[in-house]
Amino acid sequence: MKIKPTQIIVHRIEFQQKEREMLEGLNAAIIGSKIVTPFVEILKDVSAMASLVSIYLAYRYGEDVLDQMRETYQSAQEVLADGLKIAKNNKEIAKAAVGGIPIPFVGNLRQVYDVFDLIF
């Protein structure tokens, strides 16, 4: 059988001003460490840094890059259309131009098929 307590004793620790200041500095250091440690881990990880840089560049220069990509895609489509016209007009020139070297095409699948059909 347990004996029930008859009294409660409270122990209280009080710090002087200097000790309080030291504990506040320690508390700030622990909080800073908890904030800085994940950031340092991100800096050490190459893929995380690449993601952060990509996000920043997309935010900063996104519209410019998209405009450039649109212009490049349109000019590539024009080159493909011109090449398709030339290939249709003269199959021998098209075959000689290819010479067995694979050419990257930009356009829909039907245009690529038409060019290969004419050349081969």
N, C-alpha and C. Protein backbone atom coordinates (compact mmCIF):
# COMPACT_ATOMS: atom_id res chain seq x y z
N MET A 1 0.83 -1.17 0.00
CA MET A 1 0.00 0.00 0.00
C MET A 1 0.88 1.25 0.00
N LYS A 2 0.49 2.21 -0.85
CA LYS A 2 1.26 3.45 -0.96
C LYS A 2 0.85 4.45 0.09
N ILE A 3 1.84 5.19 0.52
CA ILE A 3 1.55 6.26 1.47
C ILE A 3 1.24 7.52 0.69
N LYS A 4 0.16 8.17 1.03
CA LYS A 4 -0.23 9.41 0.36
C LYS A 4 0.62 10.54 0.88
N PRO A 5 0.98 11.48 -0.02
CA PRO A 5 1.81 12.61 0.42
C PRO A 5 1.05 13.51 1.38
N THR A 6 1.77 14.01 2.33
CA THR A 6 1.15 14.91 3.31
C THR A 6 1.45 16.37 3.00
N GLN A 7 2.49 16.59 2.24
CA GLN A 7 2.82 17.97 1.88
C GLN A 7 3.45 18.02 0.48
N ILE A 8 3.41 19.17 -0.13
CA ILE A 8 4.00 19.39 -1.45
C ILE A 8 5.12 20.39 -1.28
N ILE A 9 6.28 20.00 -1.78
CA ILE A 9 7.44 20.89 -1.72
C ILE A 9 7.74 21.38 -3.12
N VAL A 10 7.83 22.67 -3.30
CA VAL A 10 8.11 23.28 -4.60
C VAL A 10 9.53 23.82 -4.57
N HIS A 11 10.31 23.40 -5.56
CA HIS A 11 11.68 23.91 -5.70
C HIS A 11 11.67 24.95 -6.83
N ARG A 12 12.25 26.05 -6.60
CA ARG A 12 12.24 27.13 -7.57
C ARG A 12 13.67 27.58 -7.80
N ILE A 13 14.02 27.71 -9.11
CA ILE A 13 15.37 28.15 -9.46
C ILE A 13 15.25 29.58 -10.00
N GLU A 14 15.99 30.46 -9.44
CA GLU A 14 16.00 31.85 -9.88
C GLU A 14 17.40 32.20 -10.36
N PHE A 15 17.44 32.91 -11.50
CA PHE A 15 18.71 33.32 -12.06
C PHE A 15 18.95 34.80 -11.83
N GLN A 16 20.21 35.14 -11.74
CA GLN A 16 20.59 36.55 -11.67
C GLN A 16 20.51 37.15 -13.08
N GLN A 17 20.65 38.44 -13.19
CA GLN A 17 20.55 39.14 -14.48
C GLN A 17 21.58 38.60 -15.49
N LYS A 18 22.80 38.40 -15.08
CA LYS A 18 23.86 37.91 -15.96
C LYS A 18 23.54 36.51 -16.47
N GLU A 19 23.03 35.65 -15.61
CA GLU A 19 22.68 34.29 -16.00
C GLU A 19 21.52 34.29 -16.99
N ARG A 20 20.54 35.20 -16.78
CA ARG A 20 19.42 35.32 -17.71
C ARG A 20 19.91 35.73 -19.10
N GLU A 21 20.83 36.69 -19.15
CA GLU A 21 21.38 37.14 -20.43
C GLU A 21 22.10 36.00 -21.15
N MET A 22 22.83 35.20 -20.39
CA MET A 22 23.53 34.06 -21.00
C MET A 22 22.53 33.05 -21.57
N LEU A 23 21.46 32.77 -20.86
CA LEU A 23 20.44 31.83 -21.34
C LEU A 23 19.70 32.38 -22.56
N GLU A 24 19.47 33.70 -22.60
CA GLU A 24 18.83 34.29 -23.78
C GLU A 24 19.72 34.14 -25.00
N GLY A 25 21.04 34.35 -24.83
CA GLY A 25 21.98 34.15 -25.93
C GLY A 25 22.00 32.72 -26.40
N LEU A 26 21.96 31.78 -25.46
CA LEU A 26 21.93 30.36 -25.81
C LEU A 26 20.64 30.02 -26.56
N ASN A 27 19.53 30.57 -26.10
CA ASN A 27 18.24 30.34 -26.77
C ASN A 27 18.28 30.87 -28.21
N ALA A 28 18.84 32.07 -28.40
CA ALA A 28 18.94 32.65 -29.75
C ALA A 28 19.84 31.80 -30.63
N ALA A 29 20.93 31.27 -30.07
CA ALA A 29 21.84 30.41 -30.85
C ALA A 29 21.15 29.12 -31.27
N ILE A 30 20.36 28.53 -30.40
CA ILE A 30 19.66 27.28 -30.74
C ILE A 30 18.62 27.54 -31.82
N ILE A 31 17.87 28.63 -31.70
CA ILE A 31 16.87 28.96 -32.72
C ILE A 31 17.55 29.23 -34.06
N GLY A 32 18.64 29.99 -34.04
CA GLY A 32 19.39 30.28 -35.27
C GLY A 32 19.91 29.01 -35.91
N SER A 33 20.40 28.10 -35.10
CA SER A 33 20.90 26.84 -35.62
C SER A 33 19.79 26.04 -36.30
N LYS A 34 18.61 26.04 -35.70
CA LYS A 34 17.49 25.30 -36.29
C LYS A 34 17.03 25.92 -37.60
N ILE A 35 17.24 27.21 -37.78
CA ILE A 35 16.85 27.87 -39.02
C ILE A 35 17.93 27.70 -40.08
N VAL A 36 19.18 27.84 -39.69
CA VAL A 36 20.29 27.83 -40.65
C VAL A 36 20.62 26.43 -41.14
N THR A 37 20.47 25.41 -40.32
CA THR A 37 20.84 24.05 -40.70
C THR A 37 20.12 23.57 -41.97
N PRO A 38 18.80 23.70 -42.10
CA PRO A 38 18.17 23.28 -43.35
C PRO A 38 18.64 24.09 -44.56
N PHE A 39 18.90 25.36 -44.35
CA PHE A 39 19.37 26.19 -45.46
C PHE A 39 20.75 25.73 -45.93
N VAL A 40 21.62 25.38 -45.00
CA VAL A 40 22.94 24.88 -45.36
C VAL A 40 22.83 23.54 -46.09
N GLU A 41 21.90 22.70 -45.67
CA GLU A 41 21.68 21.42 -46.36
C GLU A 41 21.24 21.65 -47.80
N ILE A 42 20.40 22.65 -48.02
CA ILE A 42 19.97 22.97 -49.38
C ILE A 42 21.16 23.45 -50.20
N LEU A 43 22.02 24.25 -49.61
CA LEU A 43 23.20 24.75 -50.33
C LEU A 43 24.15 23.61 -50.69
N LYS A 44 24.21 22.58 -49.87
CA LYS A 44 25.11 21.45 -50.15
C LYS A 44 24.55 20.53 -51.23
N ASP A 45 23.24 20.48 -51.40
CA ASP A 45 22.60 19.58 -52.35
C ASP A 45 22.54 20.25 -53.72
N VAL A 46 23.16 19.62 -54.71
CA VAL A 46 23.23 20.21 -56.05
C VAL A 46 21.85 20.30 -56.70
N SER A 47 21.05 19.27 -56.58
CA SER A 47 19.73 19.29 -57.23
C SER A 47 18.82 20.34 -56.60
N ALA A 48 18.92 20.52 -55.28
CA ALA A 48 18.11 21.54 -54.63
C ALA A 48 18.54 22.93 -55.08
N MET A 49 19.85 23.15 -55.19
CA MET A 49 20.34 24.45 -55.66
C MET A 49 19.90 24.69 -57.11
N ALA A 50 19.98 23.66 -57.93
CA ALA A 50 19.55 23.81 -59.32
C ALA A 50 18.06 24.16 -59.38
N SER A 51 17.28 23.55 -58.52
CA SER A 51 15.85 23.86 -58.48
C SER A 51 15.61 25.31 -58.05
N LEU A 52 16.32 25.74 -57.02
CA LEU A 52 16.16 27.12 -56.56
C LEU A 52 16.58 28.13 -57.62
N VAL A 53 17.70 27.86 -58.27
CA VAL A 53 18.16 28.76 -59.33
C VAL A 53 17.18 28.76 -60.49
N SER A 54 16.66 27.60 -60.85
CA SER A 54 15.68 27.52 -61.94
C SER A 54 14.41 28.29 -61.61
N ILE A 55 13.95 28.15 -60.39
CA ILE A 55 12.75 28.88 -59.97
C ILE A 55 12.99 30.38 -60.03
N TYR A 56 14.16 30.81 -59.54
CA TYR A 56 14.47 32.24 -59.58
C TYR A 56 14.56 32.74 -61.02
N LEU A 57 15.26 32.00 -61.88
CA LEU A 57 15.42 32.44 -63.27
C LEU A 57 14.08 32.44 -64.00
N ALA A 58 13.24 31.45 -63.71
CA ALA A 58 11.92 31.43 -64.33
C ALA A 58 11.09 32.63 -63.87
N TYR A 59 11.22 32.97 -62.60
CA TYR A 59 10.50 34.14 -62.08
C TYR A 59 11.04 35.43 -62.70
N ARG A 60 12.36 35.52 -62.78
CA ARG A 60 12.99 36.77 -63.24
C ARG A 60 12.91 36.94 -64.75
N TYR A 61 13.17 35.88 -65.52
CA TYR A 61 13.28 36.00 -66.97
C TYR A 61 12.28 35.12 -67.72
N GLY A 62 11.26 34.65 -67.05
CA GLY A 62 10.33 33.69 -67.64
C GLY A 62 9.68 34.17 -68.93
N GLU A 63 9.16 35.38 -68.95
CA GLU A 63 8.47 35.87 -70.14
C GLU A 63 9.42 36.01 -71.31
N ASP A 64 10.63 36.49 -71.06
CA ASP A 64 11.62 36.64 -72.13
C ASP A 64 11.97 35.29 -72.74
N VAL A 65 12.17 34.29 -71.89
CA VAL A 65 12.51 32.96 -72.38
C VAL A 65 11.36 32.36 -73.18
N LEU A 66 10.14 32.53 -72.70
CA LEU A 66 8.99 32.00 -73.43
C LEU A 66 8.85 32.67 -74.80
N ASP A 67 9.05 33.98 -74.84
CA ASP A 67 8.99 34.68 -76.13
C ASP A 67 10.05 34.15 -77.09
N GLN A 68 11.26 33.96 -76.58
CA GLN A 68 12.35 33.45 -77.42
C GLN A 68 12.04 32.04 -77.90
N MET A 69 11.48 31.20 -77.03
CA MET A 69 11.14 29.84 -77.43
C MET A 69 10.05 29.85 -78.51
N ARG A 70 9.07 30.74 -78.36
CA ARG A 70 8.01 30.82 -79.38
C ARG A 70 8.59 31.24 -80.73
N GLU A 71 9.47 32.24 -80.72
CA GLU A 71 10.08 32.70 -81.97
C GLU A 71 10.93 31.59 -82.60
N THR A 72 11.69 30.87 -81.77
CA THR A 72 12.52 29.79 -82.28
C THR A 72 11.66 28.69 -82.87
N TYR A 73 10.58 28.35 -82.20
CA TYR A 73 9.70 27.29 -82.69
C TYR A 73 9.06 27.70 -84.02
N GLN A 74 8.63 28.95 -84.11
CA GLN A 74 8.02 29.43 -85.36
C GLN A 74 9.03 29.42 -86.50
N SER A 75 10.26 29.86 -86.24
CA SER A 75 11.27 29.87 -87.30
C SER A 75 11.63 28.44 -87.70
N ALA A 76 11.65 27.51 -86.74
CA ALA A 76 11.93 26.12 -87.07
C ALA A 76 10.81 25.53 -87.91
N GLN A 77 9.58 25.91 -87.61
CA GLN A 77 8.46 25.44 -88.43
C GLN A 77 8.57 25.98 -89.86
N GLU A 78 9.00 27.25 -89.99
CA GLU A 78 9.17 27.84 -91.33
C GLU A 78 10.27 27.10 -92.10
N VAL A 79 11.37 26.78 -91.44
CA VAL A 79 12.45 26.04 -92.09
C VAL A 79 11.96 24.67 -92.53
N LEU A 80 11.20 24.00 -91.68
CA LEU A 80 10.65 22.69 -92.04
C LEU A 80 9.71 22.80 -93.24
N ALA A 81 8.85 23.82 -93.24
CA ALA A 81 7.92 23.99 -94.36
C ALA A 81 8.69 24.26 -95.65
N ASP A 82 9.72 25.11 -95.60
CA ASP A 82 10.53 25.38 -96.79
C ASP A 82 11.23 24.12 -97.27
N GLY A 83 11.79 23.36 -96.33
CA GLY A 83 12.46 22.11 -96.71
C GLY A 83 11.49 21.12 -97.32
N LEU A 84 10.26 21.08 -96.80
CA LEU A 84 9.24 20.18 -97.35
C LEU A 84 8.87 20.58 -98.77
N LYS A 85 8.77 21.89 -99.03
CA LYS A 85 8.47 22.36 -100.39
C LYS A 85 9.59 21.97 -101.36
N ILE A 86 10.83 22.17 -100.93
CA ILE A 86 11.97 21.82 -101.78
C ILE A 86 11.99 20.32 -102.02
N ALA A 87 11.74 19.54 -100.97
CA ALA A 87 11.76 18.08 -101.11
C ALA A 87 10.67 17.61 -102.06
N LYS A 88 9.52 18.24 -102.02
CA LYS A 88 8.43 17.86 -102.92
C LYS A 88 8.76 18.22 -104.36
N ASN A 89 9.43 19.35 -104.55
CA ASN A 89 9.75 19.80 -105.91
C ASN A 89 10.86 18.98 -106.54
N ASN A 90 11.84 18.55 -105.78
CA ASN A 90 12.95 17.81 -106.36
C ASN A 90 13.42 16.75 -105.38
N LYS A 91 13.01 15.52 -105.61
CA LYS A 91 13.34 14.43 -104.71
C LYS A 91 14.83 14.11 -104.71
N GLU A 92 15.49 14.25 -105.86
CA GLU A 92 16.92 13.92 -105.93
C GLU A 92 17.76 14.89 -105.10
N ILE A 93 17.41 16.17 -105.12
CA ILE A 93 18.15 17.15 -104.31
C ILE A 93 17.94 16.84 -102.83
N ALA A 94 16.73 16.46 -102.46
CA ALA A 94 16.44 16.14 -101.07
C ALA A 94 17.24 14.93 -100.61
N LYS A 95 17.32 13.91 -101.48
CA LYS A 95 18.09 12.72 -101.11
C LYS A 95 19.58 13.05 -100.99
N ALA A 96 20.09 13.87 -101.87
CA ALA A 96 21.50 14.26 -101.81
C ALA A 96 21.79 15.12 -100.59
N ALA A 97 20.84 15.96 -100.23
CA ALA A 97 21.04 16.84 -99.08
C ALA A 97 21.11 16.04 -97.78
N VAL A 98 20.32 14.97 -97.69
CA VAL A 98 20.33 14.19 -96.47
C VAL A 98 21.63 13.42 -96.35
N GLY A 99 22.02 12.71 -97.36
CA GLY A 99 23.30 12.00 -97.37
C GLY A 99 23.48 11.03 -96.22
N GLY A 100 22.41 10.50 -95.70
CA GLY A 100 22.51 9.54 -94.62
C GLY A 100 22.64 10.15 -93.23
N ILE A 101 22.66 11.49 -93.14
CA ILE A 101 22.79 12.14 -91.85
C ILE A 101 21.40 12.41 -91.29
N PRO A 102 21.11 11.98 -90.06
CA PRO A 102 19.78 12.25 -89.51
C PRO A 102 19.57 13.74 -89.27
N ILE A 103 18.41 14.22 -89.62
CA ILE A 103 18.07 15.64 -89.48
C ILE A 103 16.96 15.76 -88.45
N PRO A 104 17.13 16.63 -87.44
CA PRO A 104 16.04 16.83 -86.49
C PRO A 104 14.92 17.64 -87.12
N PHE A 105 13.69 17.22 -86.90
CA PHE A 105 12.54 17.90 -87.47
C PHE A 105 11.70 18.51 -86.36
N VAL A 106 11.10 19.65 -86.67
CA VAL A 106 10.17 20.27 -85.76
C VAL A 106 8.87 20.44 -86.53
N GLY A 107 7.82 19.91 -86.02
CA GLY A 107 6.54 20.01 -86.70
C GLY A 107 5.67 18.85 -86.28
N ASN A 108 4.55 18.71 -86.95
CA ASN A 108 3.70 17.60 -86.55
C ASN A 108 4.18 16.30 -87.22
N LEU A 109 3.69 15.20 -86.76
CA LEU A 109 4.17 13.89 -87.20
C LEU A 109 3.90 13.66 -88.69
N ARG A 110 2.82 14.20 -89.18
CA ARG A 110 2.49 14.01 -90.60
C ARG A 110 3.53 14.67 -91.51
N GLN A 111 4.00 15.86 -91.14
CA GLN A 111 5.02 16.54 -91.94
C GLN A 111 6.33 15.75 -91.94
N VAL A 112 6.71 15.23 -90.80
CA VAL A 112 7.93 14.43 -90.73
C VAL A 112 7.78 13.18 -91.59
N TYR A 113 6.64 12.54 -91.51
CA TYR A 113 6.40 11.35 -92.33
C TYR A 113 6.48 11.69 -93.81
N ASP A 114 5.89 12.83 -94.23
CA ASP A 114 5.93 13.23 -95.64
C ASP A 114 7.36 13.43 -96.12
N VAL A 115 8.18 14.08 -95.29
CA VAL A 115 9.56 14.32 -95.69
C VAL A 115 10.31 12.98 -95.83
N PHE A 116 10.17 12.08 -94.86
CA PHE A 116 10.83 10.80 -94.96
C PHE A 116 10.32 9.97 -96.13
N ASP A 117 9.05 10.09 -96.41
CA ASP A 117 8.46 9.38 -97.55
C ASP A 117 9.07 9.88 -98.85
N LEU A 118 9.28 11.18 -98.97
CA LEU A 118 9.86 11.72 -100.18
C LEU A 118 11.34 11.35 -100.32
N ILE A 119 12.06 11.37 -99.20
CA ILE A 119 13.50 11.13 -99.27
C ILE A 119 13.82 9.64 -99.45
N PHE A 120 13.15 8.80 -98.73
CA PHE A 120 13.48 7.38 -98.75
C PHE A 120 12.42 6.64 -99.52
